[in-house]
């Protein structure tokens, strides 16, 4: 399943960019469609899982699987950059001892804030997982804790960390394949005792729905992207890089001929190979570049999405509660195919955008965002 999380706020010295909010809202539309479709077809007859539309929106191994979530992680990284870059730059330009001390104090405050917010998301995500299995929220929380450690790194080291996470996730999958081929079991890694410390650690890094290996790659790329949004060249570079990554990945995967290659060069999210990570990152970069352009050049048309994008945590929790109410408790929607999922998601989003606009005009921060800021700093 896919999910969302709030982005760290921009610094007060600069106006809030519309692009990240609009990208986040657009991605959440896909999140809701994929989640509703996935949870409905889990309850539906297998005969409903046929046709091109079902394959396109298949939440497990379809071509759109996890790409909306990858975009969310990318935007989360952009948010970390917008929140922290000015302080990081000030550390390198401090002219006096007093300025250096003040900058170090500010960086320490940012580390604590990111870590606190990460812990809030992690604990809250584990609680939400009890009623919405597969939520990405706890993984977001863990990524924010990692961000608290690495946000002062130079972009090249962040990109190397992301590449290492992608390679690490792929290497573990390939190792598991070769061990199984040679007759050895890896269940100690993939099936630890439920509730044990290994279950939590291995789930967070390897076995979970959105493990840090390789999902940390999207966050690191987002931080690097957020640092160059003030330039005039970032958009064409992001679009070209994204298209190149997607094209190269699909070509590599389509030329697989052996069982080993099908695993090592897989674009299936379940395999978590480096080719999959490159493909998902590429699609996220293309989506970010294109939607950000729309947000900048058509602000009136995209303003409802901008407002909704500032309340993604509230809207995400709402879409979970609405599903449980309408499907599980009241039984108003029966398990069915993609048409029902699309209509359900459209109805939720129509109401969600109207509610988000009204709430922001009257109260400002969304209810979940307000609680998140109160607990996380």
Protein backbone atom coordinates (compact mmCIF):
# COMPACT_ATOMS: atom_id res chain seq x y z
CA UNK A 1 0.00 0.00 0.00
CA UNK A 2 0.99 3.52 -0.48
CA UNK A 3 0.68 6.43 1.84
CA UNK A 4 1.58 10.05 2.65
CA UNK A 5 3.19 12.24 5.27
CA UNK A 6 3.42 15.98 5.83
CA UNK A 7 6.40 17.79 4.42
CA UNK A 8 8.64 19.79 6.69
CA UNK A 9 7.80 23.49 6.42
CA UNK A 10 9.93 25.97 4.56
CA UNK A 11 11.92 28.50 6.50
CA UNK A 12 10.09 31.66 7.51
CA UNK A 13 12.50 33.90 5.60
CA UNK A 14 11.24 32.64 2.24
CA UNK A 15 7.71 32.32 0.86
CA UNK A 16 6.27 28.83 0.71
CA UNK A 17 6.69 27.34 -2.74
CA UNK A 18 3.44 26.09 -4.32
CA UNK A 19 5.07 23.23 -6.23
CA UNK A 20 5.71 20.77 -3.37
CA UNK A 21 2.18 21.14 -2.03
CA UNK A 22 0.58 20.60 -5.44
CA UNK A 23 2.84 17.62 -6.20
CA UNK A 24 1.98 16.08 -2.85
CA UNK A 25 -1.74 16.52 -3.40
CA UNK A 26 -1.57 15.06 -6.90
CA UNK A 27 0.35 12.08 -5.58
CA UNK A 28 -2.19 11.59 -2.81
CA UNK A 29 -4.91 11.24 -5.44
CA UNK A 30 -2.98 8.28 -6.80
CA UNK A 31 -2.39 7.00 -3.29
CA UNK A 32 -6.10 6.91 -2.57
CA UNK A 33 -6.90 5.18 -5.87
CA UNK A 34 -4.24 2.52 -5.36
CA UNK A 35 -5.13 1.96 -1.71
CA UNK A 36 -8.86 1.74 -2.30
CA UNK A 37 -8.36 -0.53 -5.30
CA UNK A 38 -5.94 -2.76 -3.41
CA UNK A 39 -8.10 -3.18 -0.33
CA UNK A 40 -11.26 -3.72 -2.37
CA UNK A 41 -9.84 -6.40 -4.65
CA UNK A 42 -8.38 -8.22 -1.66
CA UNK A 43 -11.99 -8.84 -0.71
CA UNK A 44 -13.24 -9.40 -4.27
CA UNK A 45 -13.52 -12.46 -6.49
CA UNK A 46 -10.37 -13.20 -8.50
CA UNK A 47 -12.36 -12.92 -11.74
CA UNK A 48 -12.49 -9.15 -11.21
CA UNK A 49 -8.69 -8.91 -11.51
CA UNK A 50 -8.62 -8.97 -15.30
CA UNK A 51 -8.33 -6.34 -18.01
CA UNK A 52 -5.83 -3.62 -18.84
CA UNK A 53 -7.16 -1.19 -16.24
CA UNK A 54 -6.84 -3.75 -13.47
CA UNK A 55 -3.27 -4.45 -14.56
CA UNK A 56 -2.43 -0.74 -14.77
CA UNK A 57 -3.66 -0.02 -11.24
CA UNK A 58 -2.50 -3.30 -9.69
CA UNK A 59 -1.10 -2.05 -6.36
CA UNK A 60 1.42 -4.89 -6.01
CA UNK A 61 3.19 -5.33 -9.33
CA UNK A 62 1.42 -3.06 -11.84
CA UNK A 63 3.31 -0.31 -13.70
CA UNK A 64 1.95 2.34 -11.30
CA UNK A 65 2.65 0.34 -8.15
CA UNK A 66 4.42 2.38 -5.42
CA UNK A 67 5.26 5.24 -7.81
CA UNK A 68 2.93 7.61 -6.02
CA UNK A 69 4.56 6.68 -2.72
CA UNK A 70 8.01 7.19 -4.23
CA UNK A 71 6.94 10.68 -5.29
CA UNK A 72 5.82 11.36 -1.72
CA UNK A 73 9.18 10.36 -0.33
CA UNK A 74 10.88 12.57 -2.91
CA UNK A 75 8.70 15.52 -1.83
CA UNK A 76 9.48 14.76 1.80
CA UNK A 77 13.17 15.11 0.94
CA UNK A 78 12.47 18.40 -0.81
CA UNK A 79 10.72 19.57 2.36
CA UNK A 80 13.72 18.66 4.50
CA UNK A 81 15.93 20.70 2.17
CA UNK A 82 13.62 23.73 2.27
CA UNK A 83 13.57 23.52 6.04
CA UNK A 84 17.32 23.18 6.57
CA UNK A 85 19.34 24.48 3.61
CA UNK A 86 19.64 28.08 4.80
CA UNK A 87 21.07 26.93 8.13
CA UNK A 88 23.47 24.51 6.45
CA UNK A 89 24.68 27.23 4.09
CA UNK A 90 25.07 29.67 6.99
CA UNK A 91 27.40 27.21 8.68
CA UNK A 92 29.79 27.47 5.74
CA UNK A 93 29.57 31.26 5.46
CA UNK A 94 29.69 32.27 9.12
CA UNK A 95 32.18 35.16 9.41
CA UNK A 96 32.45 35.42 13.19
CA UNK A 97 32.56 33.07 16.15
CA UNK A 98 29.19 34.39 17.31
CA UNK A 99 27.60 33.62 13.92
CA UNK A 100 29.15 30.16 13.94
CA UNK A 101 27.82 29.44 17.43
CA UNK A 102 24.34 30.66 16.52
CA UNK A 103 24.31 28.54 13.37
CA UNK A 104 25.40 25.43 15.26
CA UNK A 105 22.64 26.03 17.77
CA UNK A 106 20.10 26.36 14.96
CA UNK A 107 21.30 23.17 13.29
CA UNK A 108 21.06 21.33 16.61
CA UNK A 109 17.48 22.58 16.98
CA UNK A 110 16.64 21.35 13.48
CA UNK A 111 18.12 17.93 14.22
CA UNK A 112 15.98 17.58 17.33
CA UNK A 113 12.88 18.77 15.48
CA UNK A 114 13.33 16.30 12.63
CA UNK A 115 14.06 13.47 15.05
CA UNK A 116 11.00 14.28 17.17
CA UNK A 117 8.77 14.46 14.12
CA UNK A 118 10.20 11.20 12.89
CA UNK A 119 9.47 9.48 16.18
CA UNK A 120 5.92 10.88 16.21
CA UNK A 121 5.31 9.54 12.71
CA UNK A 122 6.90 6.19 13.53
CA UNK A 123 4.83 5.58 16.66
CA UNK A 124 1.67 6.99 15.10
CA UNK A 125 2.28 4.89 11.99
CA UNK A 126 2.57 1.70 14.02
CA UNK A 127 -0.77 2.48 15.66
CA UNK A 128 -2.37 3.25 12.29
CA UNK A 129 -0.98 0.00 10.90
CA UNK A 130 -3.31 -1.87 13.25
CA UNK A 131 -6.32 -0.71 11.21
CA UNK A 132 -4.60 -0.02 7.87
CA UNK A 133 -1.91 -2.65 7.31
CA UNK A 134 0.87 -1.58 5.00
CA UNK A 135 0.83 2.14 5.73
CA UNK A 136 4.02 3.96 4.87
CA UNK A 137 3.81 6.35 7.83
CA UNK A 138 6.23 4.49 10.16
CA UNK A 139 8.79 4.27 7.35
CA UNK A 140 8.45 8.00 6.79
CA UNK A 141 9.11 8.47 10.46
CA UNK A 142 12.29 6.43 10.27
CA UNK A 143 13.39 8.42 7.22
CA UNK A 144 12.93 11.68 9.11
CA UNK A 145 15.16 10.34 11.88
CA UNK A 146 17.79 9.52 9.26
CA UNK A 147 17.32 12.98 7.76
CA UNK A 148 18.04 14.50 11.17
CA UNK A 149 21.48 12.92 10.96
CA UNK A 150 22.39 13.53 7.33
CA UNK A 151 20.79 16.84 6.34
CA UNK A 152 24.11 18.66 6.80
CA UNK A 153 25.88 16.39 4.31
CA UNK A 154 26.83 17.73 0.91
CA UNK A 155 24.56 16.66 -1.92
CA UNK A 156 27.11 14.31 -3.46
CA UNK A 157 27.35 12.34 -0.21
CA UNK A 158 23.57 12.25 0.10
CA UNK A 159 23.31 10.85 -3.42
CA UNK A 160 25.95 8.26 -2.57
CA UNK A 161 23.95 7.30 0.52
CA UNK A 162 20.85 6.94 -1.63
CA UNK A 163 22.72 4.87 -4.18
CA UNK A 164 24.04 2.70 -1.36
CA UNK A 165 20.50 2.14 -0.06
CA UNK A 166 19.35 1.13 -3.55
CA UNK A 167 22.29 -1.20 -4.07
CA UNK A 168 21.89 -2.63 -0.58
CA UNK A 169 18.23 -3.47 -1.11
CA UNK A 170 19.02 -5.09 -4.46
CA UNK A 171 21.97 -7.02 -3.05
CA UNK A 172 19.85 -8.52 -0.28
CA UNK A 173 17.22 -9.66 -2.80
CA UNK A 174 19.83 -11.20 -5.09
CA UNK A 175 21.48 -12.92 -2.12
CA UNK A 176 18.13 -14.36 -1.05
CA UNK A 177 17.58 -15.67 -4.58
CA UNK A 178 20.96 -17.37 -4.75
CA UNK A 179 20.56 -18.89 -1.28
CA UNK A 180 17.15 -20.30 -2.19
CA UNK A 181 18.52 -21.63 -5.49
CA UNK A 182 21.29 -23.41 -3.61
CA UNK A 183 18.84 -24.95 -1.14
CA UNK A 184 19.41 -22.69 1.86
CA UNK A 185 16.71 -20.96 3.88
CA UNK A 186 16.61 -17.23 4.64
CA UNK A 187 13.50 -17.29 6.77
CA UNK A 188 15.53 -16.01 9.72
CA UNK A 189 15.64 -12.74 7.79
CA UNK A 190 12.31 -12.71 5.96
CA UNK A 191 10.09 -14.39 8.57
CA UNK A 192 11.33 -13.50 12.06
CA UNK A 193 9.11 -14.11 15.08
CA UNK A 194 6.23 -11.64 15.03
CA UNK A 195 6.72 -8.86 17.55
CA UNK A 196 10.39 -9.65 18.16
CA UNK A 197 13.14 -7.07 17.85
CA UNK A 198 14.28 -8.75 14.63
CA UNK A 199 10.77 -8.42 13.26
CA UNK A 200 10.83 -4.65 13.83
CA UNK A 201 14.40 -4.07 12.64
CA UNK A 202 14.28 -6.34 9.59
CA UNK A 203 10.81 -5.06 8.77
CA UNK A 204 12.01 -1.48 8.84
CA UNK A 205 15.08 -2.07 6.71
CA UNK A 206 14.27 -5.10 4.53
CA UNK A 207 10.89 -6.81 4.79
CA UNK A 208 8.35 -4.05 5.22
CA UNK A 209 6.11 -2.53 2.60
CA UNK A 210 8.46 0.45 2.12
CA UNK A 211 11.79 -0.53 3.74
CA UNK A 212 14.69 1.91 4.06
CA UNK A 213 16.63 -0.34 1.71
CA UNK A 214 16.00 0.94 -0.95
CA UNK A 215 13.41 3.65 -0.14
CA UNK A 216 15.97 5.92 1.49
CA UNK A 217 17.20 6.60 -2.06
CA UNK A 218 14.06 8.65 -2.81
CA UNK A 219 14.49 10.79 0.30
CA UNK A 220 18.15 11.53 -0.43
CA UNK A 221 17.34 12.47 -4.03
CA UNK A 222 14.59 14.76 -2.76
CA UNK A 223 16.95 16.60 -0.40
CA UNK A 224 19.42 17.12 -3.24
CA UNK A 225 16.60 18.33 -5.51
CA UNK A 226 15.25 20.72 -2.90
CA UNK A 227 18.62 22.43 -2.66
CA UNK A 228 18.59 23.48 -6.33
CA UNK A 229 14.98 24.60 -6.72
CA UNK A 230 16.18 28.22 -6.74
CA UNK A 231 18.13 27.64 -9.96
CA UNK A 232 16.82 28.05 -13.50
CA UNK A 233 18.16 24.71 -14.71
CA UNK A 234 16.74 22.23 -12.21
CA UNK A 235 13.54 21.41 -14.10
CA UNK A 236 15.02 20.36 -17.48
CA UNK A 237 17.75 18.41 -15.67
CA UNK A 238 15.17 16.63 -13.51
CA UNK A 239 12.99 15.81 -16.52
CA UNK A 240 15.87 14.52 -18.64
CA UNK A 241 17.31 12.54 -15.74
CA UNK A 242 13.90 11.08 -14.93
CA UNK A 243 13.11 10.05 -18.50
CA UNK A 244 16.57 8.54 -18.85
CA UNK A 245 16.21 6.52 -15.65
CA UNK A 246 12.77 5.18 -16.61
CA UNK A 247 13.78 4.32 -20.18
CA UNK A 248 17.06 2.68 -19.23
CA UNK A 249 15.43 0.69 -16.44
CA UNK A 250 12.65 -0.71 -18.57
CA UNK A 251 15.05 -1.58 -21.36
CA UNK A 252 17.32 -3.43 -18.94
CA UNK A 253 14.41 -5.30 -17.41
CA UNK A 254 12.82 -6.22 -20.75
CA UNK A 255 16.07 -7.84 -21.92
CA UNK A 256 16.20 -10.29 -19.01
CA UNK A 257 16.45 -13.90 -20.17
CA UNK A 258 17.53 -15.96 -17.15
CA UNK A 259 15.94 -16.52 -13.75
CA UNK A 260 18.78 -14.61 -12.11
CA UNK A 261 18.34 -11.65 -14.47
CA UNK A 262 14.59 -11.59 -13.88
CA UNK A 263 15.35 -10.97 -10.21
CA UNK A 264 18.46 -8.77 -10.51
CA UNK A 265 16.96 -6.55 -13.24
CA UNK A 266 13.36 -6.60 -12.05
CA UNK A 267 11.19 -3.47 -12.03
CA UNK A 268 8.72 -5.20 -9.72
CA UNK A 269 8.49 -3.31 -6.40
CA UNK A 270 8.45 -6.58 -4.46
CA UNK A 271 11.95 -7.42 -5.69
CA UNK A 272 13.31 -3.99 -4.63
CA UNK A 273 16.12 -4.21 -7.14
CA UNK A 274 18.29 -1.29 -8.15
CA UNK A 275 16.57 -1.23 -11.56
CA UNK A 276 13.18 -0.83 -9.87
CA UNK A 277 14.52 1.96 -7.65
CA UNK A 278 15.98 3.80 -10.64
CA UNK A 279 12.70 3.47 -12.53
CA UNK A 280 10.56 4.68 -9.62
CA UNK A 281 12.92 7.58 -8.94
CA UNK A 282 12.82 8.53 -12.60
CA UNK A 283 9.03 8.63 -12.69
CA UNK A 284 8.99 10.67 -9.47
CA UNK A 285 11.39 13.23 -10.95
CA UNK A 286 9.29 13.54 -14.11
CA UNK A 287 6.11 13.92 -12.09
CA UNK A 288 7.66 16.52 -9.82
CA UNK A 289 9.04 18.58 -12.70
CA UNK A 290 5.80 18.59 -14.68
CA UNK A 291 3.39 19.19 -11.80
CA UNK A 292 5.62 21.89 -10.31
CA UNK A 293 5.53 23.66 -13.69
CA UNK A 294 1.74 23.59 -13.62
CA UNK A 295 1.71 24.93 -10.06
CA UNK A 296 3.97 27.86 -10.99
CA UNK A 297 2.34 28.78 -14.31
CA UNK A 298 -1.29 28.03 -13.44
CA UNK A 299 -1.65 29.00 -9.78
CA UNK A 300 -5.39 29.64 -9.89
CA UNK A 301 -6.21 26.27 -11.45
CA UNK A 302 -3.95 24.38 -9.05
CA UNK A 303 -4.83 26.33 -5.91
CA UNK A 304 -7.32 23.71 -4.63
CA UNK A 305 -4.59 21.08 -4.88
CA UNK A 306 -2.14 23.42 -3.18
CA UNK A 307 -4.47 23.77 -0.21
CA UNK A 308 -5.13 20.04 -0.10
CA UNK A 309 -1.38 19.43 -0.27
CA UNK A 310 -0.94 21.33 2.99
CA UNK A 311 -3.29 18.88 4.73
CA UNK A 312 -2.09 15.54 3.38
CA UNK A 313 -1.68 13.95 6.79
CA UNK A 314 -5.26 14.82 7.74
CA UNK A 315 -6.57 13.70 4.35
CA UNK A 316 -4.60 10.47 4.48
CA UNK A 317 -6.00 9.57 7.89
CA UNK A 318 -9.45 10.60 6.66
CA UNK A 319 -9.25 8.27 3.67
CA UNK A 320 -8.45 5.38 6.02
CA UNK A 321 -11.37 6.19 8.32
CA UNK A 322 -13.77 6.73 5.41
CA UNK A 323 -12.85 3.34 3.91
CA UNK A 324 -13.36 1.54 7.19
CA UNK A 325 -16.68 3.31 7.76
CA UNK A 326 -18.15 2.94 4.28
CA UNK A 327 -16.80 -0.50 3.38
CA UNK A 328 -16.20 -2.42 6.61
CA UNK A 329 -18.77 -0.99 9.01
CA UNK A 330 -21.69 0.19 6.89
CA UNK A 331 -21.15 -2.08 3.90
CA UNK A 332 -22.25 0.59 1.41
CA UNK A 333 -19.53 -0.38 -1.08
CA UNK A 334 -19.03 -4.01 -1.99
CA UNK A 335 -15.66 -5.43 -3.06
CA UNK A 336 -15.35 -4.87 -6.80
CA UNK A 337 -13.02 -3.92 -9.62
CA UNK A 338 -11.25 -0.76 -10.69
CA UNK A 339 -14.40 1.16 -11.68
CA UNK A 340 -15.69 1.11 -8.10
CA UNK A 341 -12.25 2.09 -6.80
CA UNK A 342 -12.01 5.07 -9.15
CA UNK A 343 -15.50 6.29 -8.30
CA UNK A 344 -14.85 5.82 -4.58
CA UNK A 345 -11.56 7.72 -4.79
CA UNK A 346 -13.15 10.47 -6.91
CA UNK A 347 -15.91 10.92 -4.36
CA UNK A 348 -13.46 11.05 -1.49
CA UNK A 349 -11.24 13.56 -3.23
CA UNK A 350 -14.08 15.82 -4.28
CA UNK A 351 -15.22 16.03 -0.68
CA UNK A 352 -11.63 16.16 0.58
CA UNK A 353 -10.61 19.15 -1.53
CA UNK A 354 -13.76 21.07 -0.56
CA UNK A 355 -13.22 20.26 3.11
CA UNK A 356 -9.51 21.15 3.02
CA UNK A 357 -10.25 24.51 1.38
CA UNK A 358 -12.94 25.36 3.92
CA UNK A 359 -10.84 24.19 6.87
CA UNK A 360 -7.78 26.21 5.84
CA UNK A 361 -9.80 29.37 5.33
CA UNK A 362 -11.25 29.03 8.81
CA UNK A 363 -8.57 27.29 10.92
CA UNK A 364 -5.29 27.22 8.97
CA UNK A 365 -3.40 24.03 9.82
CA UNK A 366 -5.26 20.74 9.47
CA UNK A 367 -6.17 18.86 12.65
CA UNK A 368 -3.60 16.10 12.17
CA UNK A 369 -0.94 18.61 11.12
CA UNK A 370 -1.65 20.68 14.22
CA UNK A 371 -1.21 17.65 16.48
CA UNK A 372 1.87 16.61 14.53
CA UNK A 373 3.49 20.03 15.03
CA UNK A 374 2.52 20.07 18.72
CA UNK A 375 4.11 16.69 19.40
CA UNK A 376 6.98 16.95 16.94
CA UNK A 377 7.99 20.58 17.40
